[in-house]
Amino acid sequence: MSDKTALLSLHQSLRRCFGVVQQQEIIWNDCLKECTPLLSSLGNLGEQLQACYSVTFENTPLKDFPDLKDRLKHKLTLAMETIFEKLGEKMSCLQKVRDTVSNQVTAVFQHYDQLSAAFTVDATFERSTLTPSLADMLEWLQDIERFYRREYLQRKVLLRTVQPTDLTYIHQLPQSWDKLSARNQQNFVQDILLKVHFFLDVQ
């Protein structure tokens, strides 16, 4: 295979992979947006349950309803369990994005390994106005894959650390989730996609 044919073949694989990343990035961001109201509700329920535990009903007009406190705690606990189940579904969505991107990136690198003998070192680093170098695009794909892996793992650990009895932690969970987003450069993938925008348009 000539170096030009090999380059065209690899460019097709790269376009296909970055195209999948574009699609998965939309799914990822939509899923994160859907987590926000769930986490807010969870934090509010944690605060209500915490208040329920701290209030002495016997010293209020509600003392005539002796089982009210237990009923409220049970209702709030069930509501929290429902939200945790929904968050679990969202985490499955994020995991699917992570795995889809990882599989695509792996396929590109396997393709590159098969064709690497056809490329000189100079060809690997050659770039044009519309086309970044192979080295840059392969590195960007690795960065994107690491980004999704790190993002997913951190959020998974955050939710797995939750103990049903740690109501203070549950109340603070929305803020902890938001801190992850602020710390982890949420525009990271979009910034890379902008670098290959013209390359993806070239057929």
C-alpha atoms as a PDB file:
ATOM      1  CA  MET A   1       0.000   0.000   0.000  1.00  0.00           C
ATOM      2  CA  SER A   2       1.352   3.411  -0.946  1.00  0.00           C
ATOM      3  CA  ASP A   3       1.810   6.070   1.706  1.00  0.00           C
ATOM      4  CA  LYS A   4      -0.889   8.211   0.048  1.00  0.00           C
ATOM      5  CA  THR A   5      -3.415   5.348   0.065  1.00  0.00           C
ATOM      6  CA  ALA A   6      -2.543   4.524   3.666  1.00  0.00           C
ATOM      7  CA  LEU A   7      -2.969   8.168   4.661  1.00  0.00           C
ATOM      8  CA  LEU A   8      -6.380   8.404   3.000  1.00  0.00           C
ATOM      9  CA  SER A   9      -7.475   5.203   4.705  1.00  0.00           C
ATOM     10  CA  LEU A  10      -6.375   6.423   8.120  1.00  0.00           C
ATOM     11  CA  HIS A  11      -7.989   9.813   7.558  1.00  0.00           C
ATOM     12  CA  GLN A  12     -11.290   8.022   6.934  1.00  0.00           C
ATOM     13  CA  SER A  13     -10.913   6.184  10.251  1.00  0.00           C
ATOM     14  CA  LEU A  14     -10.104   9.422  12.044  1.00  0.00           C
ATOM     15  CA  ARG A  15     -13.111  11.218  10.559  1.00  0.00           C
ATOM     16  CA  ARG A  16     -15.357   8.339  11.538  1.00  0.00           C
ATOM     17  CA  CYS A  17     -13.982   8.342  15.091  1.00  0.00           C
ATOM     18  CA  PHE A  18     -14.251  12.102  15.586  1.00  0.00           C
ATOM     19  CA  GLY A  19     -17.769  11.920  14.147  1.00  0.00           C
ATOM     20  CA  VAL A  20     -18.700   9.365  16.798  1.00  0.00           C
ATOM     21  CA  VAL A  21     -17.120  11.590  19.462  1.00  0.00           C
ATOM     22  CA  GLN A  22     -19.320  14.480  18.297  1.00  0.00           C
ATOM     23  CA  GLN A  23     -22.445  12.346  18.694  1.00  0.00           C
ATOM     24  CA  GLN A  24     -21.395  10.922  22.045  1.00  0.00           C
ATOM     25  CA  GLU A  25     -20.457  14.345  23.403  1.00  0.00           C
ATOM     26  CA  ILE A  26     -24.048  15.484  22.834  1.00  0.00           C
ATOM     27  CA  ILE A  27     -25.368  12.410  24.645  1.00  0.00           C
ATOM     28  CA  TRP A  28     -22.869  12.923  27.487  1.00  0.00           C
ATOM     29  CA  ASN A  29     -23.823  16.573  28.025  1.00  0.00           C
ATOM     30  CA  ASP A  30     -27.554  15.826  27.836  1.00  0.00           C
ATOM     31  CA  CYS A  31     -27.132  13.114  30.445  1.00  0.00           C
ATOM     32  CA  LEU A  32     -25.206  15.436  32.775  1.00  0.00           C
ATOM     33  CA  LYS A  33     -27.950  18.064  32.414  1.00  0.00           C
ATOM     34  CA  GLU A  34     -30.560  15.472  33.382  1.00  0.00           C
ATOM     35  CA  CYS A  35     -28.552  14.668  36.522  1.00  0.00           C
ATOM     36  CA  THR A  36     -28.767  18.244  37.815  1.00  0.00           C
ATOM     37  CA  PRO A  37     -32.459  18.276  38.873  1.00  0.00           C
ATOM     38  CA  LEU A  38     -32.120  14.755  40.293  1.00  0.00           C
ATOM     39  CA  LEU A  39     -29.193  15.782  42.473  1.00  0.00           C
ATOM     40  CA  SER A  40     -31.021  18.937  43.551  1.00  0.00           C
ATOM     41  CA  SER A  41     -34.051  16.878  44.585  1.00  0.00           C
ATOM     42  CA  LEU A  42     -31.799  14.431  46.401  1.00  0.00           C
ATOM     43  CA  GLY A  43     -30.127  17.229  48.328  1.00  0.00           C
ATOM     44  CA  ASN A  44     -33.512  18.660  49.342  1.00  0.00           C
ATOM     45  CA  LEU A  45     -34.749  15.255  50.476  1.00  0.00           C
ATOM     46  CA  GLY A  46     -31.591  14.776  52.510  1.00  0.00           C
ATOM     47  CA  GLU A  47     -32.187  18.118  54.200  1.00  0.00           C
ATOM     48  CA  GLN A  48     -35.826  17.240  54.924  1.00  0.00           C
ATOM     49  CA  LEU A  49     -34.895  13.849  56.332  1.00  0.00           C
ATOM     50  CA  GLN A  50     -32.199  15.440  58.467  1.00  0.00           C
ATOM     51  CA  ALA A  51     -34.772  17.881  59.849  1.00  0.00           C
ATOM     52  CA  CYS A  52     -37.191  15.017  60.447  1.00  0.00           C
ATOM     53  CA  TYR A  53     -34.621  13.247  62.612  1.00  0.00           C
ATOM     54  CA  SER A  54     -33.743  16.361  64.604  1.00  0.00           C
ATOM     55  CA  VAL A  55     -37.285  17.575  65.344  1.00  0.00           C
ATOM     56  CA  THR A  56     -38.959  16.288  68.484  1.00  0.00           C
ATOM     57  CA  PHE A  57     -42.561  15.848  67.380  1.00  0.00           C
ATOM     58  CA  GLU A  58     -43.701  15.368  70.966  1.00  0.00           C
ATOM     59  CA  ASN A  59     -43.047  19.064  71.582  1.00  0.00           C
ATOM     60  CA  THR A  60     -45.178  20.210  68.645  1.00  0.00           C
ATOM     61  CA  PRO A  61     -48.891  20.154  67.768  1.00  0.00           C
ATOM     62  CA  LEU A  62     -48.090  16.980  65.794  1.00  0.00           C
ATOM     63  CA  LYS A  63     -47.697  14.995  69.020  1.00  0.00           C
ATOM     64  CA  ASP A  64     -51.218  13.635  68.507  1.00  0.00           C
ATOM     65  CA  PHE A  65     -49.884  11.651  65.523  1.00  0.00           C
ATOM     66  CA  PRO A  66     -47.369   9.309  67.154  1.00  0.00           C
ATOM     67  CA  ASP A  67     -46.459   7.415  63.979  1.00  0.00           C
ATOM     68  CA  LEU A  68     -46.137  10.527  61.788  1.00  0.00           C
ATOM     69  CA  LYS A  69     -42.379  10.848  62.208  1.00  0.00           C
ATOM     70  CA  ASP A  70     -41.736   7.245  61.156  1.00  0.00           C
ATOM     71  CA  ARG A  71     -44.105   7.593  58.215  1.00  0.00           C
ATOM     72  CA  LEU A  72     -42.365  10.767  57.049  1.00  0.00           C
ATOM     73  CA  LYS A  73     -38.935   9.168  57.371  1.00  0.00           C
ATOM     74  CA  HIS A  74     -40.119   6.154  55.405  1.00  0.00           C
ATOM     75  CA  LYS A  75     -41.634   8.303  52.661  1.00  0.00           C
ATOM     76  CA  LEU A  76     -38.532  10.468  52.327  1.00  0.00           C
ATOM     77  CA  THR A  77     -36.236   7.433  52.301  1.00  0.00           C
ATOM     78  CA  LEU A  78     -38.258   5.789  49.521  1.00  0.00           C
ATOM     79  CA  ALA A  79     -38.143   9.012  47.494  1.00  0.00           C
ATOM     80  CA  MET A  80     -34.349   9.127  47.884  1.00  0.00           C
ATOM     81  CA  GLU A  81     -34.030   5.493  46.790  1.00  0.00           C
ATOM     82  CA  THR A  82     -36.040   6.273  43.658  1.00  0.00           C
ATOM     83  CA  ILE A  83     -33.713   9.151  42.783  1.00  0.00           C
ATOM     84  CA  PHE A  84     -30.633   6.991  43.376  1.00  0.00           C
ATOM     85  CA  GLU A  85     -32.077   4.462  40.914  1.00  0.00           C
ATOM     86  CA  LYS A  86     -32.556   7.205  38.321  1.00  0.00           C
ATOM     87  CA  LEU A  87     -29.010   8.444  38.912  1.00  0.00           C
ATOM     88  CA  GLY A  88     -27.835   4.869  38.397  1.00  0.00           C
ATOM     89  CA  GLU A  89     -29.524   4.919  34.982  1.00  0.00           C
ATOM     90  CA  LYS A  90     -27.747   8.174  34.130  1.00  0.00           C
ATOM     91  CA  MET A  91     -24.423   6.664  35.184  1.00  0.00           C
ATOM     92  CA  SER A  92     -25.108   3.750  32.850  1.00  0.00           C
ATOM     93  CA  CYS A  93     -25.612   6.303  30.069  1.00  0.00           C
ATOM     94  CA  LEU A  94     -22.274   7.963  30.877  1.00  0.00           C
ATOM     95  CA  GLN A  95     -20.593   4.560  30.991  1.00  0.00           C
ATOM     96  CA  LYS A  96     -21.954   3.717  27.551  1.00  0.00           C
ATOM     97  CA  VAL A  97     -20.521   6.961  26.149  1.00  0.00           C
ATOM     98  CA  ARG A  98     -17.156   6.198  27.745  1.00  0.00           C
ATOM     99  CA  ASP A  99     -17.104   2.679  26.306  1.00  0.00           C
ATOM    100  CA  THR A 100     -18.284   3.746  22.843  1.00  0.00           C
ATOM    101  CA  VAL A 101     -15.564   6.383  22.563  1.00  0.00           C
ATOM    102  CA  SER A 102     -12.946   3.998  23.943  1.00  0.00           C
ATOM    103  CA  ASN A 103     -13.844   1.331  21.390  1.00  0.00           C
ATOM    104  CA  GLN A 104     -13.657   3.832  18.532  1.00  0.00           C
ATOM    105  CA  VAL A 105     -10.279   5.173  19.666  1.00  0.00           C
ATOM    106  CA  THR A 106      -8.933   1.630  20.034  1.00  0.00           C
ATOM    107  CA  ALA A 107     -10.079   0.828  16.488  1.00  0.00           C
ATOM    108  CA  VAL A 108      -8.258   3.879  15.100  1.00  0.00           C
ATOM    109  CA  PHE A 109      -5.010   2.953  16.839  1.00  0.00           C
ATOM    110  CA  GLN A 110      -5.284  -0.624  15.619  1.00  0.00           C
ATOM    111  CA  HIS A 111      -5.744   0.715  12.092  1.00  0.00           C
ATOM    112  CA  TYR A 112      -2.744   2.994  12.538  1.00  0.00           C
ATOM    113  CA  ASP A 113      -0.591   0.073  13.754  1.00  0.00           C
ATOM    114  CA  GLN A 114      -1.546  -1.896  10.640  1.00  0.00           C
ATOM    115  CA  LEU A 115      -0.528   1.002   8.370  1.00  0.00           C
ATOM    116  CA  SER A 116       2.331   2.531  10.368  1.00  0.00           C
ATOM    117  CA  ALA A 117       5.021   0.942   8.188  1.00  0.00           C
ATOM    118  CA  ALA A 118       3.733   3.039   5.271  1.00  0.00           C
ATOM    119  CA  PHE A 119       4.366   6.332   7.086  1.00  0.00           C
ATOM    120  CA  THR A 120       7.628   8.164   7.501  1.00  0.00           C
ATOM    121  CA  VAL A 121       8.226  10.203  10.637  1.00  0.00           C
ATOM    122  CA  ASP A 122       7.823  13.390   8.613  1.00  0.00           C
ATOM    123  CA  ALA A 123       4.460  12.192   7.241  1.00  0.00           C
ATOM    124  CA  THR A 124       3.202  11.588  10.770  1.00  0.00           C
ATOM    125  CA  PHE A 125       3.895  15.195  11.753  1.00  0.00           C
ATOM    126  CA  GLU A 126       2.894  16.809   8.467  1.00  0.00           C
ATOM    127  CA  ARG A 127      -0.044  19.215   8.666  1.00  0.00           C
ATOM    128  CA  SER A 128      -1.886  21.599   6.380  1.00  0.00           C
ATOM    129  CA  THR A 129      -4.311  24.495   6.781  1.00  0.00           C
ATOM    130  CA  LEU A 130      -7.309  22.147   6.866  1.00  0.00           C
ATOM    131  CA  THR A 131      -5.741  18.950   8.164  1.00  0.00           C
ATOM    132  CA  PRO A 132      -3.944  18.568  11.502  1.00  0.00           C
ATOM    133  CA  SER A 133      -1.056  16.108  11.669  1.00  0.00           C
ATOM    134  CA  LEU A 134      -1.654  12.418  12.347  1.00  0.00           C
ATOM    135  CA  ALA A 135       0.374  12.759  15.535  1.00  0.00           C
ATOM    136  CA  ASP A 136      -1.823  15.581  16.809  1.00  0.00           C
ATOM    137  CA  MET A 137      -5.111  13.859  15.989  1.00  0.00           C
ATOM    138  CA  LEU A 138      -4.040  10.561  17.551  1.00  0.00           C
ATOM    139  CA  GLU A 139      -2.910  12.405  20.679  1.00  0.00           C
ATOM    140  CA  TRP A 140      -6.215  14.317  20.848  1.00  0.00           C
ATOM    141  CA  LEU A 141      -8.166  11.068  20.653  1.00  0.00           C
ATOM    142  CA  GLN A 142      -6.150   9.659  23.538  1.00  0.00           C
ATOM    143  CA  ASP A 143      -6.828  12.836  25.524  1.00  0.00           C
ATOM    144  CA  ILE A 144     -10.563  12.566  24.824  1.00  0.00           C
ATOM    145  CA  GLU A 145     -10.640   8.929  25.887  1.00  0.00           C
ATOM    146  CA  ARG A 146      -8.812   9.745  29.134  1.00  0.00           C
ATOM    147  CA  PHE A 147     -11.194  12.648  29.758  1.00  0.00           C
ATOM    148  CA  TYR A 148     -14.300  10.459  29.584  1.00  0.00           C
ATOM    149  CA  ARG A 149     -12.679   7.740  31.696  1.00  0.00           C
ATOM    150  CA  ARG A 150     -11.657  10.201  34.398  1.00  0.00           C
ATOM    151  CA  GLU A 151     -14.984  12.035  34.373  1.00  0.00           C
ATOM    152  CA  TYR A 152     -16.980   8.809  34.656  1.00  0.00           C
ATOM    153  CA  LEU A 153     -14.796   7.342  37.391  1.00  0.00           C
ATOM    154  CA  GLN A 154     -14.890  10.470  39.552  1.00  0.00           C
ATOM    155  CA  ARG A 155     -18.680  10.688  39.378  1.00  0.00           C
ATOM    156  CA  LYS A 156     -19.049   6.973  40.006  1.00  0.00           C
ATOM    157  CA  VAL A 157     -16.845   7.203  43.113  1.00  0.00           C
ATOM    158  CA  LEU A 158     -18.762  10.270  44.324  1.00  0.00           C
ATOM    159  CA  LEU A 159     -22.098   8.414  44.169  1.00  0.00           C
ATOM    160  CA  ARG A 160     -20.726   5.142  45.537  1.00  0.00           C
ATOM    161  CA  THR A 161     -19.330   6.966  48.562  1.00  0.00           C
ATOM    162  CA  VAL A 162     -22.859   7.968  49.583  1.00  0.00           C
ATOM    163  CA  GLN A 163     -24.155   6.252  52.698  1.00  0.00           C
ATOM    164  CA  PRO A 164     -27.949   6.394  53.225  1.00  0.00           C
ATOM    165  CA  THR A 165     -27.391   7.449  56.838  1.00  0.00           C
ATOM    166  CA  ASP A 166     -24.941  10.255  55.990  1.00  0.00           C
ATOM    167  CA  LEU A 167     -27.565  12.910  55.410  1.00  0.00           C
ATOM    168  CA  THR A 168     -25.084  15.801  55.553  1.00  0.00           C
ATOM    169  CA  TYR A 169     -23.116  14.238  52.691  1.00  0.00           C
ATOM    170  CA  ILE A 170     -26.314  13.681  50.698  1.00  0.00           C
ATOM    171  CA  HIS A 171     -27.378  17.288  51.273  1.00  0.00           C
ATOM    172  CA  GLN A 172     -23.998  18.485  49.949  1.00  0.00           C
ATOM    173  CA  LEU A 173     -23.942  16.067  46.992  1.00  0.00           C
ATOM    174  CA  PRO A 174     -25.210  18.594  44.381  1.00  0.00           C
ATOM    175  CA  GLN A 175     -22.397  20.996  45.276  1.00  0.00           C
ATOM    176  CA  SER A 176     -19.810  18.192  45.156  1.00  0.00           C
ATOM    177  CA  TRP A 177     -21.086  17.155  41.717  1.00  0.00           C
ATOM    178  CA  ASP A 178     -20.905  20.749  40.455  1.00  0.00           C
ATOM    179  CA  LYS A 179     -17.336  21.080  41.744  1.00  0.00           C
ATOM    180  CA  LEU A 180     -16.323  18.133  39.557  1.00  0.00           C
ATOM    181  CA  SER A 181     -17.754  19.888  36.505  1.00  0.00           C
ATOM    182  CA  ALA A 182     -15.990  23.142  37.361  1.00  0.00           C
ATOM    183  CA  ARG A 183     -12.661  21.402  37.963  1.00  0.00           C
ATOM    184  CA  ASN A 184     -12.674  19.124  34.924  1.00  0.00           C
ATOM    185  CA  GLN A 185     -12.838  21.547  31.968  1.00  0.00           C
ATOM    186  CA  GLN A 186     -16.269  20.659  30.622  1.00  0.00           C
ATOM    187  CA  ASN A 187     -15.468  22.245  27.237  1.00  0.00           C
ATOM    188  CA  PHE A 188     -12.393  20.041  26.806  1.00  0.00           C
ATOM    189  CA  VAL A 189     -13.881  17.759  24.127  1.00  0.00           C
ATOM    190  CA  GLN A 190     -15.578  20.631  22.304  1.00  0.00           C
ATOM    191  CA  ASP A 191     -12.276  22.511  22.133  1.00  0.00           C
ATOM    192  CA  ILE A 192     -10.623  19.516  20.465  1.00  0.00           C
ATOM    193  CA  LEU A 193     -13.523  19.062  18.053  1.00  0.00           C
ATOM    194  CA  LEU A 194     -13.079  22.674  16.959  1.00  0.00           C
ATOM    195  CA  LYS A 195      -9.479  21.860  16.017  1.00  0.00           C
ATOM    196  CA  VAL A 196     -10.683  19.169  13.581  1.00  0.00           C
ATOM    197  CA  HIS A 197     -13.744  21.039  12.306  1.00  0.00           C
ATOM    198  CA  PHE A 198     -12.361  21.730   8.815  1.00  0.00           C
ATOM    199  CA  PHE A 199     -10.764  18.293   8.624  1.00  0.00           C
ATOM    200  CA  LEU A 200     -14.154  16.657   9.223  1.00  0.00           C
ATOM    201  CA  ASP A 201     -15.721  18.759   6.461  1.00  0.00           C
ATOM    202  CA  VAL A 202     -13.154  17.613   3.891  1.00  0.00           C
ATOM    203  CA  GLN A 203     -14.185  14.408   2.103  1.00  0.00           C
END
